[in-house]
């Protein structure tokens, strides 16, 4: 493999495809050595940074390792707590890390090698992996917009895994949160959708103010919904933990929309395991107030059983059933279909 990183990766959010771990580590070392030579702050942020044997293999090949650590030219960040936190739906460690990066960017260029998303992906935590890469991409865009110093973010991903089932179903969700895809020989890789291509092809519902109303009794899932929906760009979000609060929020939103010229379109995500009011009763109240309301039901019950209950109260259209656990990519697809249907109706 090449000892010299691709110069076109400078100032990019890079998806770095590797075949074996030793090539991944060597690529990280080469990027860091190049960054140090260019007077950049280099940050090696790894889930394996707590492992002294792993860190010793990396450190012995970084030029003037101890000196650069002492002079604050090189930071080592243990991402294991970040990894554990995102599994619980909490991005707080990332947000704290963001503050530090933002401060450093005021004074110098920054290069980061970060492998939390790669570890999540390899362990089949696909939604959490996408969440982390989305976070990096959004902050990369923000840092670029501020026009401070250059930031380069290198995210290793296993190229061999991306071609295997079930990993291959997620490769574009990962790649479209990067600006360029290269391999460890510093060659650009085709066949992966990047953020630029997504931006050029995406159709955003700019004229439709979409409101997302969620009724979910489990606190950890409430937090995950909040993080994920905001990471997807939805701003008007209401998350409740009971049927009563859901109906109260629905009434509030409906009353507010009556005072607007074009109203407000809404998608409701309703769990079937509400603890105060039966889900079917909540659904009946919703369609009584908004007969055409789109509802996405989440459940651990057999979908046919839920569907029969819905049919019994006359709800046969404008609903989907997601069996828990489900992938957020599937939920996003259903939300997208709903938005398209509203556009077709000329809402």
Protein backbone atom coordinates (compact mmCIF):
# COMPACT_ATOMS: atom_id res chain seq x y z
CA UNK A 1 0.00 0.00 0.00
CA UNK A 2 1.02 3.63 -0.48
CA UNK A 3 2.89 5.37 2.34
CA UNK A 4 1.64 8.75 1.12
CA UNK A 5 -2.05 9.57 1.69
CA UNK A 6 -4.03 10.83 -1.27
CA UNK A 7 -3.61 14.65 -1.22
CA UNK A 8 -7.18 15.04 -2.48
CA UNK A 9 -8.39 13.70 0.88
CA UNK A 10 -7.17 16.87 2.63
CA UNK A 11 -10.12 18.79 4.04
CA UNK A 12 -12.55 15.93 3.32
CA UNK A 13 -14.72 13.54 5.32
CA UNK A 14 -13.16 10.32 4.05
CA UNK A 15 -14.60 6.82 3.97
CA UNK A 16 -11.40 4.76 4.02
CA UNK A 17 -11.91 1.18 2.82
CA UNK A 18 -9.48 -1.42 4.18
CA UNK A 19 -9.18 -5.17 3.65
CA UNK A 20 -7.32 -6.31 6.77
CA UNK A 21 -6.70 -4.68 10.14
CA UNK A 22 -2.97 -4.27 9.61
CA UNK A 23 -3.60 -2.18 6.47
CA UNK A 24 -6.17 -0.11 8.36
CA UNK A 25 -3.65 0.61 11.12
CA UNK A 26 -0.89 1.41 8.63
CA UNK A 27 -3.15 3.83 6.77
CA UNK A 28 -4.01 5.57 10.05
CA UNK A 29 -0.30 5.86 10.89
CA UNK A 30 0.50 7.29 7.44
CA UNK A 31 -2.25 9.89 7.71
CA UNK A 32 -1.07 10.92 11.17
CA UNK A 33 2.60 11.15 10.14
CA UNK A 34 1.66 13.22 7.10
CA UNK A 35 -0.54 15.47 9.24
CA UNK A 36 2.20 16.01 11.81
CA UNK A 37 4.66 16.88 9.03
CA UNK A 38 2.18 19.50 7.82
CA UNK A 39 1.83 21.01 11.34
CA UNK A 40 -1.73 19.80 11.76
CA UNK A 41 -3.20 18.71 15.08
CA UNK A 42 -3.64 14.95 14.69
CA UNK A 43 -6.22 13.03 16.72
CA UNK A 44 -6.22 9.25 16.83
CA UNK A 45 -9.69 8.42 18.17
CA UNK A 46 -10.16 4.69 18.51
CA UNK A 47 -12.35 2.20 20.33
CA UNK A 48 -9.11 0.22 20.81
CA UNK A 49 -7.13 3.12 22.30
CA UNK A 50 -7.61 1.71 25.82
CA UNK A 51 -5.78 -1.47 24.72
CA UNK A 52 -2.11 -0.91 25.56
CA UNK A 53 -0.91 -3.61 23.15
CA UNK A 54 -2.81 -2.02 20.26
CA UNK A 55 -1.65 1.47 21.16
CA UNK A 56 1.98 0.35 21.41
CA UNK A 57 1.81 -1.05 17.85
CA UNK A 58 0.49 2.29 16.62
CA UNK A 59 2.70 4.58 18.69
CA UNK A 60 6.01 2.94 17.74
CA UNK A 61 5.41 3.88 14.09
CA UNK A 62 4.34 7.48 14.65
CA UNK A 63 7.26 9.85 14.26
CA UNK A 64 8.39 11.44 17.53
CA UNK A 65 5.33 10.04 19.28
CA UNK A 66 6.14 11.10 22.85
CA UNK A 67 7.37 14.52 21.79
CA UNK A 68 4.23 15.20 19.75
CA UNK A 69 2.05 14.07 22.64
CA UNK A 70 3.90 16.40 25.03
CA UNK A 71 3.67 19.33 22.61
CA UNK A 72 -0.06 18.70 22.06
CA UNK A 73 0.44 18.05 18.37
CA UNK A 74 -1.07 14.59 18.82
CA UNK A 75 -4.09 13.54 20.87
CA UNK A 76 -5.11 9.98 21.66
CA UNK A 77 -8.84 9.62 22.38
CA UNK A 78 -10.37 6.44 23.79
CA UNK A 79 -13.68 5.97 21.94
CA UNK A 80 -14.81 2.94 23.95
CA UNK A 81 -17.02 5.10 26.23
CA UNK A 82 -18.38 6.84 23.10
CA UNK A 83 -19.22 3.44 21.62
CA UNK A 84 -21.02 2.30 24.77
CA UNK A 85 -22.87 5.59 25.02
CA UNK A 86 -24.22 5.58 21.47
CA UNK A 87 -25.53 2.05 21.99
CA UNK A 88 -27.68 3.60 24.73
CA UNK A 89 -28.82 6.35 22.36
CA UNK A 90 -26.66 9.03 23.96
CA UNK A 91 -24.37 11.25 21.86
CA UNK A 92 -23.25 13.42 24.79
CA UNK A 93 -19.57 12.32 24.62
CA UNK A 94 -19.52 13.23 20.92
CA UNK A 95 -20.98 16.66 21.64
CA UNK A 96 -18.31 17.28 24.29
CA UNK A 97 -15.65 16.16 21.81
CA UNK A 98 -17.13 18.58 19.27
CA UNK A 99 -16.53 21.53 21.60
CA UNK A 100 -12.85 20.60 21.91
CA UNK A 101 -12.42 20.19 18.13
CA UNK A 102 -14.16 23.49 17.48
CA UNK A 103 -11.75 25.25 19.82
CA UNK A 104 -8.67 23.67 18.22
CA UNK A 105 -9.87 24.62 14.71
CA UNK A 106 -9.58 28.28 15.64
CA UNK A 107 -5.79 27.91 15.82
CA UNK A 108 -4.75 25.21 13.33
CA UNK A 109 -5.76 22.52 10.85
CA UNK A 110 -7.06 19.32 12.40
CA UNK A 111 -6.86 15.71 11.18
CA UNK A 112 -8.94 13.03 12.90
CA UNK A 113 -8.83 9.27 12.44
CA UNK A 114 -11.97 7.87 14.10
CA UNK A 115 -13.15 4.25 14.11
CA UNK A 116 -16.26 4.19 16.34
CA UNK A 117 -18.61 3.85 13.35
CA UNK A 118 -16.50 1.03 11.91
CA UNK A 119 -16.72 -0.93 15.16
CA UNK A 120 -20.47 -0.38 15.36
CA UNK A 121 -20.85 -1.55 11.77
CA UNK A 122 -18.73 -4.68 12.24
CA UNK A 123 -20.85 -5.59 15.27
CA UNK A 124 -24.05 -5.14 13.20
CA UNK A 125 -25.24 -2.03 15.04
CA UNK A 126 -26.22 -0.52 11.70
CA UNK A 127 -28.59 2.21 12.91
CA UNK A 128 -26.09 3.44 15.49
CA UNK A 129 -23.30 3.38 12.90
CA UNK A 130 -25.39 5.53 10.55
CA UNK A 131 -26.19 7.86 13.45
CA UNK A 132 -22.50 8.40 14.23
CA UNK A 133 -21.53 8.95 10.59
CA UNK A 134 -24.44 11.36 10.18
CA UNK A 135 -23.17 13.25 13.24
CA UNK A 136 -19.66 13.50 11.76
CA UNK A 137 -20.98 14.64 8.39
CA UNK A 138 -23.25 17.32 9.84
CA UNK A 139 -20.45 18.71 11.99
CA UNK A 140 -17.96 18.50 9.12
CA UNK A 141 -20.34 20.65 7.06
CA UNK A 142 -20.74 23.09 9.96
CA UNK A 143 -16.97 23.40 10.46
CA UNK A 144 -16.47 23.96 6.73
CA UNK A 145 -19.17 26.62 6.74
CA UNK A 146 -17.43 28.53 9.54
CA UNK A 147 -14.37 28.79 7.27
CA UNK A 148 -11.85 28.40 10.04
CA UNK A 149 -8.91 26.07 9.43
CA UNK A 150 -9.11 22.83 7.44
CA UNK A 151 -10.52 19.70 9.05
CA UNK A 152 -9.95 16.21 7.67
CA UNK A 153 -11.91 13.28 9.09
CA UNK A 154 -10.81 9.73 8.24
CA UNK A 155 -13.34 6.97 8.96
CA UNK A 156 -12.05 3.44 8.29
CA UNK A 157 -14.57 0.83 7.12
CA UNK A 158 -14.05 -2.80 6.17
CA UNK A 159 -14.34 -3.03 2.39
CA UNK A 160 -14.63 -6.81 2.51
CA UNK A 161 -17.58 -6.68 4.93
CA UNK A 162 -19.41 -4.14 2.79
CA UNK A 163 -19.74 -6.71 0.02
CA UNK A 164 -21.25 -9.39 2.27
CA UNK A 165 -24.78 -9.95 3.54
CA UNK A 166 -26.26 -8.30 5.61
CA UNK A 167 -23.64 -5.53 5.55
CA UNK A 168 -24.05 -4.82 1.84
CA UNK A 169 -27.56 -3.48 2.42
CA UNK A 170 -26.11 -0.59 4.41
CA UNK A 171 -23.06 0.49 2.43
CA UNK A 172 -24.74 3.45 0.72
CA UNK A 173 -26.27 4.69 3.99
CA UNK A 174 -22.70 4.82 5.30
CA UNK A 175 -21.01 6.22 2.20
CA UNK A 176 -23.51 9.01 1.61
CA UNK A 177 -22.40 10.53 4.92
CA UNK A 178 -18.89 11.05 3.52
CA UNK A 179 -17.50 13.34 0.84
CA UNK A 180 -15.06 10.88 -0.75
CA UNK A 181 -14.33 7.14 -0.69
CA UNK A 182 -10.76 5.87 -1.05
CA UNK A 183 -8.85 2.67 -0.29
CA UNK A 184 -5.60 2.10 1.59
CA UNK A 185 -3.60 2.45 -1.64
CA UNK A 186 -4.88 6.06 -1.81
CA UNK A 187 -7.03 5.35 -4.86
CA UNK A 188 -10.54 6.73 -5.17
CA UNK A 189 -13.19 3.99 -5.08
CA UNK A 190 -16.24 4.11 -7.34
CA UNK A 191 -19.60 2.47 -6.72
CA UNK A 192 -20.27 4.24 -3.43
CA UNK A 193 -22.80 7.07 -3.13
CA UNK A 194 -21.20 10.14 -1.50
CA UNK A 195 -22.79 13.16 0.17
CA UNK A 196 -22.36 15.21 -3.01
CA UNK A 197 -24.32 12.68 -5.06
CA UNK A 198 -27.05 12.53 -2.44
CA UNK A 199 -27.33 16.32 -2.43
CA UNK A 200 -27.61 16.40 -6.20
CA UNK A 201 -30.32 13.74 -6.36
CA UNK A 202 -32.35 14.38 -3.21
CA UNK A 203 -35.81 15.94 -3.34
CA UNK A 204 -36.58 17.70 -0.09
CA UNK A 205 -40.17 18.52 0.96
CA UNK A 206 -39.35 22.20 1.34
CA UNK A 207 -42.97 23.34 1.03
CA UNK A 208 -44.35 20.82 3.53
CA UNK A 209 -43.73 21.51 7.24
CA UNK A 210 -43.69 17.91 8.49
CA UNK A 211 -44.56 17.35 12.15
CA UNK A 212 -43.49 14.05 13.71
CA UNK A 213 -45.54 12.93 16.73
CA UNK A 214 -44.27 9.87 18.61
CA UNK A 215 -45.99 7.90 21.39
CA UNK A 216 -43.44 5.50 22.89
CA UNK A 217 -43.51 4.32 26.54
CA UNK A 218 -39.86 3.22 26.80
CA UNK A 219 -37.49 6.01 27.81
CA UNK A 220 -34.43 4.68 25.98
CA UNK A 221 -36.39 4.45 22.73
CA UNK A 222 -37.72 7.97 23.25
CA UNK A 223 -34.13 9.21 23.40
CA UNK A 224 -33.17 7.21 20.33
CA UNK A 225 -36.12 8.62 18.37
CA UNK A 226 -35.14 12.15 19.37
CA UNK A 227 -31.49 11.74 18.35
CA UNK A 228 -32.25 9.92 15.11
CA UNK A 229 -35.09 12.14 13.88
CA UNK A 230 -33.04 15.28 14.46
CA UNK A 231 -30.04 13.72 12.75
CA UNK A 232 -32.28 13.10 9.73
CA UNK A 233 -33.16 16.80 9.59
CA UNK A 234 -36.65 16.81 11.12
CA UNK A 235 -37.15 19.85 13.33
CA UNK A 236 -40.82 19.67 14.38
CA UNK A 237 -40.78 16.68 16.70
CA UNK A 238 -42.99 15.85 19.68
CA UNK A 239 -42.19 12.70 21.67
CA UNK A 240 -44.65 11.53 24.32
CA UNK A 241 -44.71 8.55 26.68
CA UNK A 242 -48.46 7.88 26.91
CA UNK A 243 -51.69 7.80 24.94
CA UNK A 244 -53.16 10.78 26.79
CA UNK A 245 -50.11 12.96 26.16
CA UNK A 246 -50.14 11.92 22.52
CA UNK A 247 -53.78 12.98 22.12
CA UNK A 248 -53.13 16.24 24.00
CA UNK A 249 -50.20 16.99 21.69
CA UNK A 250 -52.31 16.12 18.66
CA UNK A 251 -54.99 18.59 19.77
CA UNK A 252 -52.37 21.29 20.32
CA UNK A 253 -50.82 20.73 16.88
CA UNK A 254 -54.21 20.62 15.16
CA UNK A 255 -55.33 23.88 16.81
CA UNK A 256 -52.06 25.58 15.85
CA UNK A 257 -52.28 24.42 12.23
CA UNK A 258 -55.77 25.92 11.88
CA UNK A 259 -54.20 29.36 12.29
CA UNK A 260 -51.76 28.79 9.41
CA UNK A 261 -52.48 29.35 5.77
CA UNK A 262 -51.26 25.94 4.61
CA UNK A 263 -51.69 23.95 7.77
CA UNK A 264 -49.17 21.45 9.07
CA UNK A 265 -48.73 17.87 7.83
CA UNK A 266 -48.04 15.23 10.40
CA UNK A 267 -46.81 11.66 10.70
CA UNK A 268 -47.67 9.77 13.89
CA UNK A 269 -45.54 6.91 15.22
CA UNK A 270 -47.71 5.01 17.71
CA UNK A 271 -46.51 2.12 19.86
CA UNK A 272 -49.03 -0.61 20.66
CA UNK A 273 -47.79 -1.06 24.23
CA UNK A 274 -48.95 2.23 25.78
CA UNK A 275 -49.52 1.89 29.52
CA UNK A 276 -52.44 4.25 30.13
CA UNK A 277 -54.84 4.02 27.17
CA UNK A 278 -55.11 1.06 24.77
CA UNK A 279 -53.37 1.85 21.50
CA UNK A 280 -56.52 1.02 19.50
CA UNK A 281 -58.49 3.61 21.46
CA UNK A 282 -55.79 6.22 20.81
CA UNK A 283 -55.81 5.36 17.10
CA UNK A 284 -59.61 5.73 16.98
CA UNK A 285 -59.38 9.18 18.58
CA UNK A 286 -56.70 10.20 16.09
CA UNK A 287 -58.69 9.22 12.99
CA UNK A 288 -61.83 10.82 14.42
CA UNK A 289 -59.95 14.12 14.56
CA UNK A 290 -57.95 13.59 11.34
CA UNK A 291 -59.57 10.95 9.08
CA UNK A 292 -56.66 10.91 6.61
CA UNK A 293 -53.94 10.81 9.24
CA UNK A 294 -50.96 8.59 8.46
CA UNK A 295 -50.03 6.34 11.42
CA UNK A 296 -47.00 4.07 11.71
CA UNK A 297 -47.58 1.45 14.42
CA UNK A 298 -44.61 -0.12 16.23
CA UNK A 299 -45.14 -3.40 18.06
CA UNK A 300 -43.74 -6.68 19.34
CA UNK A 301 -47.10 -8.35 18.64
CA UNK A 302 -47.84 -10.35 15.48
CA UNK A 303 -48.59 -7.77 12.74
CA UNK A 304 -51.71 -9.68 11.61
CA UNK A 305 -53.14 -9.42 15.12
CA UNK A 306 -52.57 -5.65 15.19
CA UNK A 307 -54.05 -5.33 11.70
CA UNK A 308 -57.21 -7.20 12.74
CA UNK A 309 -57.66 -4.87 15.71
CA UNK A 310 -57.32 -1.88 13.39
CA UNK A 311 -59.82 -3.33 10.93
CA UNK A 312 -62.29 -3.86 13.78
CA UNK A 313 -62.48 -0.11 14.37
CA UNK A 314 -62.56 0.75 10.68
CA UNK A 315 -58.89 1.71 10.17
CA UNK A 316 -57.83 0.03 6.93
CA UNK A 317 -55.81 2.68 5.13
CA UNK A 318 -53.01 5.17 5.86
CA UNK A 319 -51.16 2.93 8.29
CA UNK A 320 -48.06 0.76 8.43
CA UNK A 321 -46.91 -1.77 11.03
CA UNK A 322 -43.27 -2.07 12.08
CA UNK A 323 -42.30 -5.14 14.07
CA UNK A 324 -39.81 -4.42 16.85
CA UNK A 325 -36.88 -4.47 16.71
CA UNK A 326 -36.73 -2.64 13.38
CA UNK A 327 -34.06 -0.72 11.51
CA UNK A 328 -34.39 3.06 11.46
CA UNK A 329 -33.65 2.90 7.73
CA UNK A 330 -36.98 1.07 7.33
CA UNK A 331 -38.77 3.73 9.36
CA UNK A 332 -37.16 6.44 7.24
CA UNK A 333 -38.44 4.71 4.11
CA UNK A 334 -42.01 4.74 5.47
CA UNK A 335 -41.73 8.40 6.45
CA UNK A 336 -40.43 9.20 2.97
CA UNK A 337 -43.38 7.38 1.38
CA UNK A 338 -45.76 9.38 3.54
CA UNK A 339 -44.14 12.66 2.53
CA UNK A 340 -44.36 11.69 -1.14
CA UNK A 341 -48.05 10.82 -0.75
CA UNK A 342 -48.72 14.22 0.81
CA UNK A 343 -46.92 15.94 -2.04
CA UNK A 344 -48.97 13.96 -4.57
CA UNK A 345 -52.16 15.12 -2.84
CA UNK A 346 -50.96 18.69 -3.17
CA UNK A 347 -50.97 19.32 0.56
